Amino acid sequence: MMVSKETAWNYAVGILKVDGLTPSEEMLEMIEKEKRGEMTTDEILQRLKEKYGAT
């Protein structure tokens, strides 16, 4: 069963909140862009790698 991008992101953010964490405003903005098709998941990952130096 496929879930919508919106549902998938809502689950992801919800899991963070259960752990007492809150995504940054920048991350929430990228999530909204991805939901609207203005940004891809790969683009989000690339930005996070650039920002945090992950490989």
PDB file of N, CA and C in Angstrom:
ATOM      1  N   MET A   1       0.840  -1.179   0.000  1.00  0.00           N
ATOM      2  CA  MET A   1       0.000   0.000   0.000  1.00  0.00           C
ATOM      3  C   MET A   1       0.888   1.247   0.000  1.00  0.00           C
ATOM      4  N   MET A   2       0.644   2.141  -0.925  1.00  0.00           N
ATOM      5  CA  MET A   2       1.403   3.385  -1.017  1.00  0.00           C
ATOM      6  C   MET A   2       0.734   4.458  -0.158  1.00  0.00           C
ATOM      7  N   VAL A   3       1.555   5.253   0.496  1.00  0.00           N
ATOM      8  CA  VAL A   3       1.020   6.382   1.247  1.00  0.00           C
ATOM      9  C   VAL A   3       1.434   7.664   0.537  1.00  0.00           C
ATOM     10  N   SER A   4       0.666   8.704   0.715  1.00  0.00           N
ATOM     11  CA  SER A   4       0.982   9.978   0.077  1.00  0.00           C
ATOM     12  C   SER A   4       2.227  10.592   0.722  1.00  0.00           C
ATOM     13  N   LYS A   5       2.841  11.523  -0.008  1.00  0.00           N
ATOM     14  CA  LYS A   5       3.997  12.233   0.545  1.00  0.00           C
ATOM     15  C   LYS A   5       3.607  12.941   1.836  1.00  0.00           C
ATOM     16  N   GLU A   6       2.424  13.517   1.819  1.00  0.00           N
ATOM     17  CA  GLU A   6       1.956  14.245   3.012  1.00  0.00           C
ATOM     18  C   GLU A   6       1.878  13.310   4.214  1.00  0.00           C
ATOM     19  N   THR A   7       1.277  12.145   4.026  1.00  0.00           N
ATOM     20  CA  THR A   7       1.141  11.182   5.120  1.00  0.00           C
ATOM     21  C   THR A   7       2.506  10.707   5.595  1.00  0.00           C
ATOM     22  N   ALA A   8       3.395  10.406   4.664  1.00  0.00           N
ATOM     23  CA  ALA A   8       4.734   9.931   5.025  1.00  0.00           C
ATOM     24  C   ALA A   8       5.478  10.980   5.853  1.00  0.00           C
ATOM     25  N   TRP A   9       5.426  12.241   5.411  1.00  0.00           N
ATOM     26  CA  TRP A   9       6.105  13.301   6.158  1.00  0.00           C
ATOM     27  C   TRP A   9       5.444  13.523   7.512  1.00  0.00           C
ATOM     28  N   ASN A  10       4.112  13.425   7.565  1.00  0.00           N
ATOM     29  CA  ASN A  10       3.425  13.591   8.852  1.00  0.00           C
ATOM     30  C   ASN A  10       3.861  12.527   9.845  1.00  0.00           C
ATOM     31  N   TYR A  11       4.018  11.290   9.365  1.00  0.00           N
ATOM     32  CA  TYR A  11       4.518  10.216  10.235  1.00  0.00           C
ATOM     33  C   TYR A  11       5.936  10.535  10.710  1.00  0.00           C
ATOM     34  N   ALA A  12       6.793  10.951   9.779  1.00  0.00           N
ATOM     35  CA  ALA A  12       8.185  11.234  10.113  1.00  0.00           C
ATOM     36  C   ALA A  12       8.300  12.334  11.164  1.00  0.00           C
ATOM     37  N   VAL A  13       7.569  13.421  10.962  1.00  0.00           N
ATOM     38  CA  VAL A  13       7.605  14.531  11.917  1.00  0.00           C
ATOM     39  C   VAL A  13       6.994  14.088  13.250  1.00  0.00           C
ATOM     40  N   GLY A  14       5.949  13.284  13.189  1.00  0.00           N
ATOM     41  CA  GLY A  14       5.318  12.776  14.405  1.00  0.00           C
ATOM     42  C   GLY A  14       6.260  11.927  15.233  1.00  0.00           C
ATOM     43  N   ILE A  15       7.064  11.098  14.552  1.00  0.00           N
ATOM     44  CA  ILE A  15       8.035  10.262  15.256  1.00  0.00           C
ATOM     45  C   ILE A  15       9.061  11.137  15.978  1.00  0.00           C
ATOM     46  N   LEU A  16       9.491  12.207  15.322  1.00  0.00           N
ATOM     47  CA  LEU A  16      10.418  13.132  15.980  1.00  0.00           C
ATOM     48  C   LEU A  16       9.785  13.740  17.230  1.00  0.00           C
ATOM     49  N   LYS A  17       8.529  14.152  17.102  1.00  0.00           N
ATOM     50  CA  LYS A  17       7.847  14.790  18.229  1.00  0.00           C
ATOM     51  C   LYS A  17       7.677  13.832  19.400  1.00  0.00           C
ATOM     52  N   VAL A  18       7.437  12.552  19.115  1.00  0.00           N
ATOM     53  CA  VAL A  18       7.327  11.554  20.182  1.00  0.00           C
ATOM     54  C   VAL A  18       8.621  11.491  20.975  1.00  0.00           C
ATOM     55  N   ASP A  19       9.733  11.689  20.270  1.00  0.00           N
ATOM     56  CA  ASP A  19      11.036  11.681  20.935  1.00  0.00           C
ATOM     57  C   ASP A  19      11.391  13.030  21.549  1.00  0.00           C
ATOM     58  N   GLY A  20      10.459  13.973  21.507  1.00  0.00           N
ATOM     59  CA  GLY A  20      10.692  15.270  22.107  1.00  0.00           C
ATOM     60  C   GLY A  20      11.519  16.209  21.236  1.00  0.00           C
ATOM     61  N   LEU A  21      11.605  15.908  19.938  1.00  0.00           N
ATOM     62  CA  LEU A  21      12.390  16.718  19.012  1.00  0.00           C
ATOM     63  C   LEU A  21      11.466  17.499  18.085  1.00  0.00           C
ATOM     64  N   THR A  22      11.955  18.615  17.584  1.00  0.00           N
ATOM     65  CA  THR A  22      11.192  19.425  16.645  1.00  0.00           C
ATOM     66  C   THR A  22      12.091  19.751  15.458  1.00  0.00           C
ATOM     67  N   PRO A  23      11.620  19.483  14.231  1.00  0.00           N
ATOM     68  CA  PRO A  23      12.430  19.839  13.056  1.00  0.00           C
ATOM     69  C   PRO A  23      12.605  21.353  12.978  1.00  0.00           C
ATOM     70  N   SER A  24      13.721  21.780  12.404  1.00  0.00           N
ATOM     71  CA  SER A  24      13.970  23.207  12.240  1.00  0.00           C
ATOM     72  C   SER A  24      12.973  23.798  11.247  1.00  0.00           C
ATOM     73  N   GLU A  25      12.845  25.109  11.283  1.00  0.00           N
ATOM     74  CA  GLU A  25      11.974  25.795  10.323  1.00  0.00           C
ATOM     75  C   GLU A  25      12.445  25.527   8.896  1.00  0.00           C
ATOM     76  N   GLU A  26      13.764  25.508   8.718  1.00  0.00           N
ATOM     77  CA  GLU A  26      14.328  25.232   7.388  1.00  0.00           C
ATOM     78  C   GLU A  26      13.898  23.845   6.898  1.00  0.00           C
ATOM     79  N   MET A  27      13.960  22.848   7.779  1.00  0.00           N
ATOM     80  CA  MET A  27      13.545  21.494   7.398  1.00  0.00           C
ATOM     81  C   MET A  27      12.056  21.450   7.091  1.00  0.00           C
ATOM     82  N   LEU A  28      11.252  22.117   7.907  1.00  0.00           N
ATOM     83  CA  LEU A  28       9.809  22.133   7.669  1.00  0.00           C
ATOM     84  C   LEU A  28       9.480  22.796   6.330  1.00  0.00           C
ATOM     85  N   GLU A  29      10.231  23.831   5.975  1.00  0.00           N
ATOM     86  CA  GLU A  29      10.033  24.495   4.683  1.00  0.00           C
ATOM     87  C   GLU A  29      10.387  23.550   3.538  1.00  0.00           C
ATOM     88  N   MET A  30      11.484  22.802   3.690  1.00  0.00           N
ATOM     89  CA  MET A  30      11.863  21.848   2.647  1.00  0.00           C
ATOM     90  C   MET A  30      10.823  20.738   2.518  1.00  0.00           C
ATOM     91  N   ILE A  31      10.283  20.298   3.637  1.00  0.00           N
ATOM     92  CA  ILE A  31       9.232  19.269   3.615  1.00  0.00           C
ATOM     93  C   ILE A  31       8.022  19.780   2.845  1.00  0.00           C
ATOM     94  N   GLU A  32       7.603  20.999   3.126  1.00  0.00           N
ATOM     95  CA  GLU A  32       6.444  21.563   2.426  1.00  0.00           C
ATOM     96  C   GLU A  32       6.714  21.684   0.925  1.00  0.00           C
ATOM     97  N   LYS A  33       7.925  22.080   0.550  1.00  0.00           N
ATOM     98  CA  LYS A  33       8.277  22.169  -0.870  1.00  0.00           C
ATOM     99  C   LYS A  33       8.239  20.796  -1.521  1.00  0.00           C
ATOM    100  N   GLU A  34       8.701  19.771  -0.807  1.00  0.00           N
ATOM    101  CA  GLU A  34       8.698  18.418  -1.347  1.00  0.00           C
ATOM    102  C   GLU A  34       7.263  17.929  -1.541  1.00  0.00           C
ATOM    103  N   LYS A  35       6.396  18.236  -0.579  1.00  0.00           N
ATOM    104  CA  LYS A  35       4.984  17.853  -0.689  1.00  0.00           C
ATOM    105  C   LYS A  35       4.332  18.483  -1.909  1.00  0.00           C
ATOM    106  N   ARG A  36       4.726  19.732  -2.241  1.00  0.00           N
ATOM    107  CA  ARG A  36       4.133  20.441  -3.376  1.00  0.00           C
ATOM    108  C   ARG A  36       4.825  20.110  -4.701  1.00  0.00           C
ATOM    109  N   GLY A  37       5.864  19.297  -4.636  1.00  0.00           N
ATOM    110  CA  GLY A  37       6.578  18.930  -5.853  1.00  0.00           C
ATOM    111  C   GLY A  37       7.588  19.962  -6.312  1.00  0.00           C
ATOM    112  N   GLU A  38       7.926  20.903  -5.443  1.00  0.00           N
ATOM    113  CA  GLU A  38       8.885  21.957  -5.781  1.00  0.00           C
ATOM    114  C   GLU A  38      10.318  21.549  -5.468  1.00  0.00           C
ATOM    115  N   MET A  39      10.465  20.424  -4.788  1.00  0.00           N
ATOM    116  CA  MET A  39      11.778  19.946  -4.367  1.00  0.00           C
ATOM    117  C   MET A  39      11.683  18.427  -4.265  1.00  0.00           C
ATOM    118  N   THR A  40      12.771  17.735  -4.569  1.00  0.00           N
ATOM    119  CA  THR A  40      12.765  16.280  -4.442  1.00  0.00           C
ATOM    120  C   THR A  40      13.401  15.858  -3.128  1.00  0.00           C
ATOM    121  N   THR A  41      13.170  14.619  -2.750  1.00  0.00           N
ATOM    122  CA  THR A  41      13.802  14.078  -1.551  1.00  0.00           C
ATOM    123  C   THR A  41      15.313  14.105  -1.708  1.00  0.00           C
ATOM    124  N   ASP A  42      15.803  13.799  -2.916  1.00  0.00           N
ATOM    125  CA  ASP A  42      17.246  13.838  -3.157  1.00  0.00           C
ATOM    126  C   ASP A  42      17.807  15.239  -2.953  1.00  0.00           C
ATOM    127  N   GLU A  43      17.055  16.259  -3.350  1.00  0.00           N
ATOM    128  CA  GLU A  43      17.508  17.637  -3.141  1.00  0.00           C
ATOM    129  C   GLU A  43      17.564  17.975  -1.652  1.00  0.00           C
ATOM    130  N   ILE A  44      16.596  17.483  -0.894  1.00  0.00           N
ATOM    131  CA  ILE A  44      16.608  17.694   0.556  1.00  0.00           C
ATOM    132  C   ILE A  44      17.854  17.038   1.144  1.00  0.00           C
ATOM    133  N   LEU A  45      18.110  15.787   0.751  1.00  0.00           N
ATOM    134  CA  LEU A  45      19.280  15.083   1.263  1.00  0.00           C
ATOM    135  C   LEU A  45      20.567  15.809   0.906  1.00  0.00           C
ATOM    136  N   GLN A  46      20.653  16.316  -0.317  1.00  0.00           N
ATOM    137  CA  GLN A  46      21.843  17.053  -0.741  1.00  0.00           C
ATOM    138  C   GLN A  46      22.053  18.307   0.108  1.00  0.00           C
ATOM    139  N   ARG A  47      20.988  19.055   0.345  1.00  0.00           N
ATOM    140  CA  ARG A  47      21.110  20.264   1.181  1.00  0.00           C
ATOM    141  C   ARG A  47      21.565  19.919   2.591  1.00  0.00           C
ATOM    142  N   LEU A  48      21.014  18.835   3.143  1.00  0.00           N
ATOM    143  CA  LEU A  48      21.408  18.428   4.494  1.00  0.00           C
ATOM    144  C   LEU A  48      22.866  17.993   4.528  1.00  0.00           C
ATOM    145  N   LYS A  49      23.310  17.276   3.488  1.00  0.00           N
ATOM    146  CA  LYS A  49      24.715  16.866   3.415  1.00  0.00           C
ATOM    147  C   LYS A  49      25.615  18.087   3.337  1.00  0.00           C
ATOM    148  N   GLU A  50      25.227  19.065   2.534  1.00  0.00           N
ATOM    149  CA  GLU A  50      26.025  20.284   2.410  1.00  0.00           C
ATOM    150  C   GLU A  50      26.088  21.040   3.731  1.00  0.00           C
ATOM    151  N   LYS A  51      24.957  21.115   4.405  1.00  0.00           N
ATOM    152  CA  LYS A  51      24.891  21.879   5.650  1.00  0.00           C
ATOM    153  C   LYS A  51      25.646  21.200   6.793  1.00  0.00           C
ATOM    154  N   TYR A  52      25.502  19.883   6.887  1.00  0.00           N
ATOM    155  CA  TYR A  52      26.067  19.175   8.037  1.00  0.00           C
ATOM    156  C   TYR A  52      27.321  18.375   7.706  1.00  0.00           C
ATOM    157  N   GLY A  53      27.767  18.431   6.456  1.00  0.00           N
ATOM    158  CA  GLY A  53      29.009  17.771   6.083  1.00  0.00           C
ATOM    159  C   GLY A  53      28.936  16.267   6.049  1.00  0.00           C
ATOM    160  N   ALA A  54      27.756  15.702   5.913  1.00  0.00           N
ATOM    161  CA  ALA A  54      27.614  14.247   5.866  1.00  0.00           C
ATOM    162  C   ALA A  54      28.052  13.738   4.498  1.00  0.00           C
ATOM    163  N   THR A  55      28.521  12.507   4.475  1.00  0.00           N
ATOM    164  CA  THR A  55      28.947  11.902   3.209  1.00  0.00           C
ATOM    165  C   THR A  55      27.994  10.844   2.756  1.00  0.00           C
TER     166      THR A  55
END
